[in-house]
């Protein structure tokens, strides 16, 4: 009898532990789900603020504590264009660059962020063009800002998913990104882009279409070069339209 009771107590104890574990799991899952939903608006707001800061950082230096929302709303005009450079009835937040990248370039929709003059809202001081591609291990992306001549690079910022730390991942550093400032994408009437070179430590200050490379990160550099060339072709009609109109306005 004692053995049977002992076996019964053991089974009862095991059942209690299992039920307790299940109950605790359900409660914890519920709390996590609730917290996730409660925090989602704040998380989405932070993501949106970071997006705006990345766009602005290609054209201005954001001081600590700067009112990013205010600056962005005052200076940035958001549009979406097609391959022909025509504005379409979409918002940049409607556009997923990764999804568009899978399309034929002529079918892609392209976000553009025009930086308007504070004194003359009709004047485009800079155009920020989002770009997307692949590095060594995963996707890379970024923004390229052009001066009002639609030729000279004002600034860039790049991001990556999985490039090698200390090597390809250096594309996110200001040391690398600053090398693009002042470079030009046109040679005559043709867009030739700007290429990061193999190796590092060379002086390309006199070459408008080359920047110094990253030691040990040749494949990441090739990915960046391919990304820029492809997307400058996608934006080409928009760029040339504005370049022509700005040249005429300056005459």
C-alpha atoms as a PDB file:
ATOM      1  CA  UNK A   1       0.000   0.000   0.000  1.00  0.00           C
ATOM      2  CA  UNK A   2       2.773   2.381   0.851  1.00  0.00           C
ATOM      3  CA  UNK A   3       4.403   1.767  -2.481  1.00  0.00           C
ATOM      4  CA  UNK A   4       1.195   2.533  -4.317  1.00  0.00           C
ATOM      5  CA  UNK A   5       0.682   5.701  -2.306  1.00  0.00           C
ATOM      6  CA  UNK A   6       4.284   6.670  -2.890  1.00  0.00           C
ATOM      7  CA  UNK A   7       3.902   6.160  -6.638  1.00  0.00           C
ATOM      8  CA  UNK A   8       0.686   8.193  -6.548  1.00  0.00           C
ATOM      9  CA  UNK A   9       2.393  11.042  -4.711  1.00  0.00           C
ATOM     10  CA  UNK A  10       5.254  11.036  -7.184  1.00  0.00           C
ATOM     11  CA  UNK A  11       2.860  11.172 -10.151  1.00  0.00           C
ATOM     12  CA  UNK A  12       0.889  13.909  -8.432  1.00  0.00           C
ATOM     13  CA  UNK A  13       4.080  15.880  -7.799  1.00  0.00           C
ATOM     14  CA  UNK A  14       5.217  15.526 -11.433  1.00  0.00           C
ATOM     15  CA  UNK A  15       1.803  16.569 -12.713  1.00  0.00           C
ATOM     16  CA  UNK A  16       1.859  19.614 -10.458  1.00  0.00           C
ATOM     17  CA  UNK A  17       5.278  20.658 -11.753  1.00  0.00           C
ATOM     18  CA  UNK A  18       4.192  20.246 -15.384  1.00  0.00           C
ATOM     19  CA  UNK A  19       0.967  22.199 -14.875  1.00  0.00           C
ATOM     20  CA  UNK A  20       2.800  24.893 -12.939  1.00  0.00           C
ATOM     21  CA  UNK A  21       5.399  25.247 -15.711  1.00  0.00           C
ATOM     22  CA  UNK A  22       2.681  25.476 -18.373  1.00  0.00           C
ATOM     23  CA  UNK A  23       0.773  28.058 -16.374  1.00  0.00           C
ATOM     24  CA  UNK A  24       3.891  30.134 -15.774  1.00  0.00           C
ATOM     25  CA  UNK A  25       4.783  29.983 -19.478  1.00  0.00           C
ATOM     26  CA  UNK A  26       1.323  31.170 -20.496  1.00  0.00           C
ATOM     27  CA  UNK A  27       1.396  34.048 -18.023  1.00  0.00           C
ATOM     28  CA  UNK A  28       4.896  35.156 -19.080  1.00  0.00           C
ATOM     29  CA  UNK A  29       3.987  34.930 -22.763  1.00  0.00           C
ATOM     30  CA  UNK A  30       0.912  37.038 -22.118  1.00  0.00           C
ATOM     31  CA  UNK A  31       2.905  39.672 -20.256  1.00  0.00           C
ATOM     32  CA  UNK A  32       5.527  39.817 -23.011  1.00  0.00           C
ATOM     33  CA  UNK A  33       2.857  40.151 -25.697  1.00  0.00           C
ATOM     34  CA  UNK A  34       1.171  42.934 -23.741  1.00  0.00           C
ATOM     35  CA  UNK A  35       4.472  44.761 -23.215  1.00  0.00           C
ATOM     36  CA  UNK A  36       5.326  44.418 -26.898  1.00  0.00           C
ATOM     37  CA  UNK A  37       2.002  45.908 -27.980  1.00  0.00           C
ATOM     38  CA  UNK A  38       2.171  48.661 -25.376  1.00  0.00           C
ATOM     39  CA  UNK A  39       5.683  49.687 -26.439  1.00  0.00           C
ATOM     40  CA  UNK A  40       5.125  49.359 -30.204  1.00  0.00           C
ATOM     41  CA  UNK A  41       4.051  52.987 -30.800  1.00  0.00           C
ATOM     42  CA  UNK A  42       7.190  54.226 -29.043  1.00  0.00           C
ATOM     43  CA  UNK A  43       9.379  51.742 -30.934  1.00  0.00           C
ATOM     44  CA  UNK A  44       7.848  52.802 -34.263  1.00  0.00           C
ATOM     45  CA  UNK A  45       8.404  56.463 -33.363  1.00  0.00           C
ATOM     46  CA  UNK A  46      12.068  55.775 -32.584  1.00  0.00           C
ATOM     47  CA  UNK A  47      12.535  53.945 -35.892  1.00  0.00           C
ATOM     48  CA  UNK A  48      10.955  56.859 -37.760  1.00  0.00           C
ATOM     49  CA  UNK A  49      13.115  59.383 -35.914  1.00  0.00           C
ATOM     50  CA  UNK A  50      16.243  57.401 -36.761  1.00  0.00           C
ATOM     51  CA  UNK A  51      15.196  57.304 -40.432  1.00  0.00           C
ATOM     52  CA  UNK A  52      14.849  61.087 -40.493  1.00  0.00           C
ATOM     53  CA  UNK A  53      18.126  61.590 -38.660  1.00  0.00           C
ATOM     54  CA  UNK A  54      19.946  59.386 -41.200  1.00  0.00           C
ATOM     55  CA  UNK A  55      18.557  61.443 -44.072  1.00  0.00           C
ATOM     56  CA  UNK A  56      19.443  64.766 -42.461  1.00  0.00           C
ATOM     57  CA  UNK A  57      22.930  63.590 -41.471  1.00  0.00           C
ATOM     58  CA  UNK A  58      23.960  63.386 -45.129  1.00  0.00           C
ATOM     59  CA  UNK A  59      23.527  67.142 -45.550  1.00  0.00           C
ATOM     60  CA  UNK A  60      23.904  68.775 -42.120  1.00  0.00           C
ATOM     61  CA  UNK A  61      25.678  68.114 -38.856  1.00  0.00           C
ATOM     62  CA  UNK A  62      23.083  67.332 -36.217  1.00  0.00           C
ATOM     63  CA  UNK A  63      24.043  68.776 -32.868  1.00  0.00           C
ATOM     64  CA  UNK A  64      23.285  66.808 -29.735  1.00  0.00           C
ATOM     65  CA  UNK A  65      19.734  67.542 -28.645  1.00  0.00           C
ATOM     66  CA  UNK A  66      18.712  68.925 -32.044  1.00  0.00           C
ATOM     67  CA  UNK A  67      14.988  68.894 -32.771  1.00  0.00           C
ATOM     68  CA  UNK A  68      15.133  66.409 -35.630  1.00  0.00           C
ATOM     69  CA  UNK A  69      11.388  66.433 -36.281  1.00  0.00           C
ATOM     70  CA  UNK A  70      11.300  70.226 -36.558  1.00  0.00           C
ATOM     71  CA  UNK A  71      14.337  70.455 -38.831  1.00  0.00           C
ATOM     72  CA  UNK A  72      13.071  67.619 -41.008  1.00  0.00           C
ATOM     73  CA  UNK A  73       9.576  69.045 -41.413  1.00  0.00           C
ATOM     74  CA  UNK A  74      10.922  72.492 -42.254  1.00  0.00           C
ATOM     75  CA  UNK A  75      13.529  71.424 -44.787  1.00  0.00           C
ATOM     76  CA  UNK A  76      12.598  68.079 -46.337  1.00  0.00           C
ATOM     77  CA  UNK A  77      10.111  67.455 -49.114  1.00  0.00           C
ATOM     78  CA  UNK A  78       9.367  63.741 -49.508  1.00  0.00           C
ATOM     79  CA  UNK A  79       8.498  62.384 -52.949  1.00  0.00           C
ATOM     80  CA  UNK A  80       8.496  59.069 -54.788  1.00  0.00           C
ATOM     81  CA  UNK A  81       9.488  58.863 -58.437  1.00  0.00           C
ATOM     82  CA  UNK A  82       9.446  56.239 -61.166  1.00  0.00           C
ATOM     83  CA  UNK A  83      12.307  55.289 -63.454  1.00  0.00           C
ATOM     84  CA  UNK A  84      11.476  58.202 -65.791  1.00  0.00           C
ATOM     85  CA  UNK A  85      11.848  60.701 -62.977  1.00  0.00           C
ATOM     86  CA  UNK A  86       8.138  61.416 -62.693  1.00  0.00           C
ATOM     87  CA  UNK A  87       6.555  61.914 -59.277  1.00  0.00           C
ATOM     88  CA  UNK A  88       4.012  59.220 -58.354  1.00  0.00           C
ATOM     89  CA  UNK A  89       1.268  59.264 -55.741  1.00  0.00           C
ATOM     90  CA  UNK A  90       3.138  57.398 -53.023  1.00  0.00           C
ATOM     91  CA  UNK A  91       4.978  58.205 -49.812  1.00  0.00           C
ATOM     92  CA  UNK A  92       8.559  57.092 -49.152  1.00  0.00           C
ATOM     93  CA  UNK A  93       7.321  55.182 -46.101  1.00  0.00           C
ATOM     94  CA  UNK A  94       5.179  53.111 -48.502  1.00  0.00           C
ATOM     95  CA  UNK A  95       8.302  51.959 -50.327  1.00  0.00           C
ATOM     96  CA  UNK A  96      10.313  48.916 -49.249  1.00  0.00           C
ATOM     97  CA  UNK A  97      13.714  49.180 -50.915  1.00  0.00           C
ATOM     98  CA  UNK A  98      14.389  45.472 -50.495  1.00  0.00           C
ATOM     99  CA  UNK A  99      11.147  44.611 -52.280  1.00  0.00           C
ATOM    100  CA  UNK A 100      11.738  47.172 -55.030  1.00  0.00           C
ATOM    101  CA  UNK A 101      15.287  45.860 -55.510  1.00  0.00           C
ATOM    102  CA  UNK A 102      13.867  42.537 -56.694  1.00  0.00           C
ATOM    103  CA  UNK A 103      12.109  44.272 -59.596  1.00  0.00           C
ATOM    104  CA  UNK A 104      13.581  45.203 -62.923  1.00  0.00           C
ATOM    105  CA  UNK A 105      15.219  48.638 -62.445  1.00  0.00           C
ATOM    106  CA  UNK A 106      12.764  50.229 -64.894  1.00  0.00           C
ATOM    107  CA  UNK A 107       9.853  49.078 -62.725  1.00  0.00           C
ATOM    108  CA  UNK A 108      11.175  50.309 -59.384  1.00  0.00           C
ATOM    109  CA  UNK A 109       9.653  53.101 -57.344  1.00  0.00           C
ATOM    110  CA  UNK A 110      12.289  55.328 -55.781  1.00  0.00           C
ATOM    111  CA  UNK A 111      12.056  57.575 -52.717  1.00  0.00           C
ATOM    112  CA  UNK A 112      13.656  61.020 -52.927  1.00  0.00           C
ATOM    113  CA  UNK A 113      14.168  63.528 -50.129  1.00  0.00           C
ATOM    114  CA  UNK A 114      14.606  67.053 -51.431  1.00  0.00           C
ATOM    115  CA  UNK A 115      16.258  69.502 -49.038  1.00  0.00           C
ATOM    116  CA  UNK A 116      14.628  72.869 -49.582  1.00  0.00           C
ATOM    117  CA  UNK A 117      16.310  76.221 -49.041  1.00  0.00           C
ATOM    118  CA  UNK A 118      15.269  77.910 -45.788  1.00  0.00           C
ATOM    119  CA  UNK A 119      14.958  81.241 -47.632  1.00  0.00           C
ATOM    120  CA  UNK A 120      13.458  79.885 -50.861  1.00  0.00           C
ATOM    121  CA  UNK A 121      11.263  76.762 -50.475  1.00  0.00           C
ATOM    122  CA  UNK A 122      11.157  76.326 -54.269  1.00  0.00           C
ATOM    123  CA  UNK A 123      14.927  75.891 -54.460  1.00  0.00           C
ATOM    124  CA  UNK A 124      16.436  72.425 -54.031  1.00  0.00           C
ATOM    125  CA  UNK A 125      19.665  72.703 -52.085  1.00  0.00           C
ATOM    126  CA  UNK A 126      20.276  68.959 -51.912  1.00  0.00           C
ATOM    127  CA  UNK A 127      18.626  65.747 -53.028  1.00  0.00           C
ATOM    128  CA  UNK A 128      19.009  62.678 -50.820  1.00  0.00           C
ATOM    129  CA  UNK A 129      18.734  59.413 -52.754  1.00  0.00           C
ATOM    130  CA  UNK A 130      18.271  56.082 -50.917  1.00  0.00           C
ATOM    131  CA  UNK A 131      20.280  53.149 -52.305  1.00  0.00           C
ATOM    132  CA  UNK A 132      20.231  49.386 -51.701  1.00  0.00           C
ATOM    133  CA  UNK A 133      22.427  46.413 -52.577  1.00  0.00           C
ATOM    134  CA  UNK A 134      24.496  43.489 -51.317  1.00  0.00           C
ATOM    135  CA  UNK A 135      27.866  43.368 -49.616  1.00  0.00           C
ATOM    136  CA  UNK A 136      29.920  40.322 -48.706  1.00  0.00           C
ATOM    137  CA  UNK A 137      27.481  38.589 -46.361  1.00  0.00           C
ATOM    138  CA  UNK A 138      24.153  40.367 -46.546  1.00  0.00           C
ATOM    139  CA  UNK A 139      22.333  43.498 -47.615  1.00  0.00           C
ATOM    140  CA  UNK A 140      23.778  46.992 -47.498  1.00  0.00           C
ATOM    141  CA  UNK A 141      21.874  50.240 -47.867  1.00  0.00           C
ATOM    142  CA  UNK A 142      22.326  53.955 -47.501  1.00  0.00           C
ATOM    143  CA  UNK A 143      21.577  57.493 -48.579  1.00  0.00           C
ATOM    144  CA  UNK A 144      23.551  59.628 -51.013  1.00  0.00           C
ATOM    145  CA  UNK A 145      23.067  63.406 -50.910  1.00  0.00           C
ATOM    146  CA  UNK A 146      23.805  65.498 -53.996  1.00  0.00           C
ATOM    147  CA  UNK A 147      24.527  69.217 -54.064  1.00  0.00           C
ATOM    148  CA  UNK A 148      22.224  71.567 -55.991  1.00  0.00           C
ATOM    149  CA  UNK A 149      24.292  70.918 -59.136  1.00  0.00           C
ATOM    150  CA  UNK A 150      23.048  67.287 -58.998  1.00  0.00           C
ATOM    151  CA  UNK A 151      26.600  66.168 -59.620  1.00  0.00           C
ATOM    152  CA  UNK A 152      28.697  66.747 -56.496  1.00  0.00           C
ATOM    153  CA  UNK A 153      28.226  64.441 -53.517  1.00  0.00           C
ATOM    154  CA  UNK A 154      27.388  66.361 -50.365  1.00  0.00           C
ATOM    155  CA  UNK A 155      27.514  63.332 -48.093  1.00  0.00           C
ATOM    156  CA  UNK A 156      26.621  59.673 -47.688  1.00  0.00           C
ATOM    157  CA  UNK A 157      25.667  57.284 -44.947  1.00  0.00           C
ATOM    158  CA  UNK A 158      25.753  53.529 -45.250  1.00  0.00           C
ATOM    159  CA  UNK A 159      24.341  50.713 -43.166  1.00  0.00           C
ATOM    160  CA  UNK A 160      24.803  46.961 -43.301  1.00  0.00           C
ATOM    161  CA  UNK A 161      23.291  43.778 -41.910  1.00  0.00           C
ATOM    162  CA  UNK A 162      26.293  41.496 -41.554  1.00  0.00           C
ATOM    163  CA  UNK A 163      29.618  42.766 -42.894  1.00  0.00           C
ATOM    164  CA  UNK A 164      32.802  41.665 -41.113  1.00  0.00           C
ATOM    165  CA  UNK A 165      33.568  43.750 -37.988  1.00  0.00           C
ATOM    166  CA  UNK A 166      36.693  45.839 -38.440  1.00  0.00           C
ATOM    167  CA  UNK A 167      36.714  45.216 -42.205  1.00  0.00           C
ATOM    168  CA  UNK A 168      33.609  45.621 -44.385  1.00  0.00           C
ATOM    169  CA  UNK A 169      31.604  46.903 -41.430  1.00  0.00           C
ATOM    170  CA  UNK A 170      33.716  50.065 -41.580  1.00  0.00           C
ATOM    171  CA  UNK A 171      31.367  51.421 -44.252  1.00  0.00           C
ATOM    172  CA  UNK A 172      29.249  52.798 -41.398  1.00  0.00           C
ATOM    173  CA  UNK A 173      32.138  54.910 -40.056  1.00  0.00           C
ATOM    174  CA  UNK A 174      32.541  58.614 -40.759  1.00  0.00           C
ATOM    175  CA  UNK A 175      36.174  57.887 -41.715  1.00  0.00           C
ATOM    176  CA  UNK A 176      34.980  55.960 -44.778  1.00  0.00           C
ATOM    177  CA  UNK A 177      31.863  57.972 -45.561  1.00  0.00           C
ATOM    178  CA  UNK A 178      33.705  61.318 -45.503  1.00  0.00           C
ATOM    179  CA  UNK A 179      35.848  60.124 -48.408  1.00  0.00           C
ATOM    180  CA  UNK A 180      32.867  60.587 -50.721  1.00  0.00           C
ATOM    181  CA  UNK A 181      32.343  64.263 -49.939  1.00  0.00           C
ATOM    182  CA  UNK A 182      33.063  66.474 -52.935  1.00  0.00           C
ATOM    183  CA  UNK A 183      33.296  63.603 -55.411  1.00  0.00           C
ATOM    184  CA  UNK A 184      31.307  63.853 -58.647  1.00  0.00           C
ATOM    185  CA  UNK A 185      29.041  61.376 -60.375  1.00  0.00           C
ATOM    186  CA  UNK A 186      29.120  62.919 -63.873  1.00  0.00           C
ATOM    187  CA  UNK A 187      31.873  62.828 -66.444  1.00  0.00           C
ATOM    188  CA  UNK A 188      30.708  65.177 -69.166  1.00  0.00           C
ATOM    189  CA  UNK A 189      27.044  64.369 -69.747  1.00  0.00           C
ATOM    190  CA  UNK A 190      27.267  60.788 -68.523  1.00  0.00           C
ATOM    191  CA  UNK A 191      26.913  59.392 -65.026  1.00  0.00           C
ATOM    192  CA  UNK A 192      29.974  57.299 -64.184  1.00  0.00           C
ATOM    193  CA  UNK A 193      29.454  57.098 -60.390  1.00  0.00           C
ATOM    194  CA  UNK A 194      32.193  57.005 -57.744  1.00  0.00           C
ATOM    195  CA  UNK A 195      34.218  53.840 -57.123  1.00  0.00           C
ATOM    196  CA  UNK A 196      35.910  52.698 -53.936  1.00  0.00           C
ATOM    197  CA  UNK A 197      39.317  51.327 -54.873  1.00  0.00           C
ATOM    198  CA  UNK A 198      41.022  48.110 -53.838  1.00  0.00           C
ATOM    199  CA  UNK A 199      43.456  48.486 -50.965  1.00  0.00           C
ATOM    200  CA  UNK A 200      43.894  51.459 -48.664  1.00  0.00           C
ATOM    201  CA  UNK A 201      46.268  54.321 -48.121  1.00  0.00           C
ATOM    202  CA  UNK A 202      46.251  55.942 -51.564  1.00  0.00           C
ATOM    203  CA  UNK A 203      45.499  59.585 -52.288  1.00  0.00           C
ATOM    204  CA  UNK A 204      42.591  60.060 -54.696  1.00  0.00           C
ATOM    205  CA  UNK A 205      41.952  63.713 -53.845  1.00  0.00           C
ATOM    206  CA  UNK A 206      42.593  64.735 -57.463  1.00  0.00           C
ATOM    207  CA  UNK A 207      40.305  62.078 -58.941  1.00  0.00           C
ATOM    208  CA  UNK A 208      36.649  63.091 -58.850  1.00  0.00           C
ATOM    209  CA  UNK A 209      35.405  59.521 -59.307  1.00  0.00           C
ATOM    210  CA  UNK A 210      37.560  57.466 -56.932  1.00  0.00           C
ATOM    211  CA  UNK A 211      37.774  57.053 -53.159  1.00  0.00           C
ATOM    212  CA  UNK A 212      40.314  55.157 -51.097  1.00  0.00           C
ATOM    213  CA  UNK A 213      39.358  51.575 -50.246  1.00  0.00           C
ATOM    214  CA  UNK A 214      39.209  49.465 -47.096  1.00  0.00           C
ATOM    215  CA  UNK A 215      41.990  47.000 -46.333  1.00  0.00           C
ATOM    216  CA  UNK A 216      40.702  43.431 -46.294  1.00  0.00           C
ATOM    217  CA  UNK A 217      37.227  44.366 -47.501  1.00  0.00           C
ATOM    218  CA  UNK A 218      37.446  44.233 -51.283  1.00  0.00           C
ATOM    219  CA  UNK A 219      34.144  42.379 -51.717  1.00  0.00           C
ATOM    220  CA  UNK A 220      32.241  44.831 -49.530  1.00  0.00           C
ATOM    221  CA  UNK A 221      33.738  47.690 -51.554  1.00  0.00           C
ATOM    222  CA  UNK A 222      32.598  46.004 -54.764  1.00  0.00           C
ATOM    223  CA  UNK A 223      29.119  45.698 -53.289  1.00  0.00           C
ATOM    224  CA  UNK A 224      29.056  49.421 -52.494  1.00  0.00           C
ATOM    225  CA  UNK A 225      30.317  50.274 -55.984  1.00  0.00           C
ATOM    226  CA  UNK A 226      27.695  48.085 -57.648  1.00  0.00           C
ATOM    227  CA  UNK A 227      24.991  49.591 -55.436  1.00  0.00           C
ATOM    228  CA  UNK A 228      25.904  53.156 -56.349  1.00  0.00           C
ATOM    229  CA  UNK A 229      26.236  52.486 -60.074  1.00  0.00           C
ATOM    230  CA  UNK A 230      22.915  50.660 -60.239  1.00  0.00           C
ATOM    231  CA  UNK A 231      20.961  53.246 -58.307  1.00  0.00           C
ATOM    232  CA  UNK A 232      22.476  56.243 -60.073  1.00  0.00           C
ATOM    233  CA  UNK A 233      21.168  54.628 -63.253  1.00  0.00           C
ATOM    234  CA  UNK A 234      17.745  54.247 -61.631  1.00  0.00           C
ATOM    235  CA  UNK A 235      17.738  57.920 -60.574  1.00  0.00           C
ATOM    236  CA  UNK A 236      19.388  59.126 -63.782  1.00  0.00           C
ATOM    237  CA  UNK A 237      16.313  60.696 -65.390  1.00  0.00           C
ATOM    238  CA  UNK A 238      15.399  62.541 -62.204  1.00  0.00           C
ATOM    239  CA  UNK A 239      18.994  63.721 -61.754  1.00  0.00           C
ATOM    240  CA  UNK A 240      19.360  64.939 -65.349  1.00  0.00           C
ATOM    241  CA  UNK A 241      16.032  66.778 -65.301  1.00  0.00           C
ATOM    242  CA  UNK A 242      16.999  68.727 -62.215  1.00  0.00           C
ATOM    243  CA  UNK A 243      20.588  69.242 -63.343  1.00  0.00           C
ATOM    244  CA  UNK A 244      19.377  70.761 -66.596  1.00  0.00           C
ATOM    245  CA  UNK A 245      16.796  73.007 -64.937  1.00  0.00           C
ATOM    246  CA  UNK A 246      19.339  74.222 -62.362  1.00  0.00           C
ATOM    247  CA  UNK A 247      21.886  74.970 -65.082  1.00  0.00           C
ATOM    248  CA  UNK A 248      19.301  76.984 -66.996  1.00  0.00           C
ATOM    249  CA  UNK A 249      18.274  78.861 -63.870  1.00  0.00           C
ATOM    250  CA  UNK A 250      21.859  79.891 -63.209  1.00  0.00           C
ATOM    251  CA  UNK A 251      22.330  81.398 -66.676  1.00  0.00           C
END
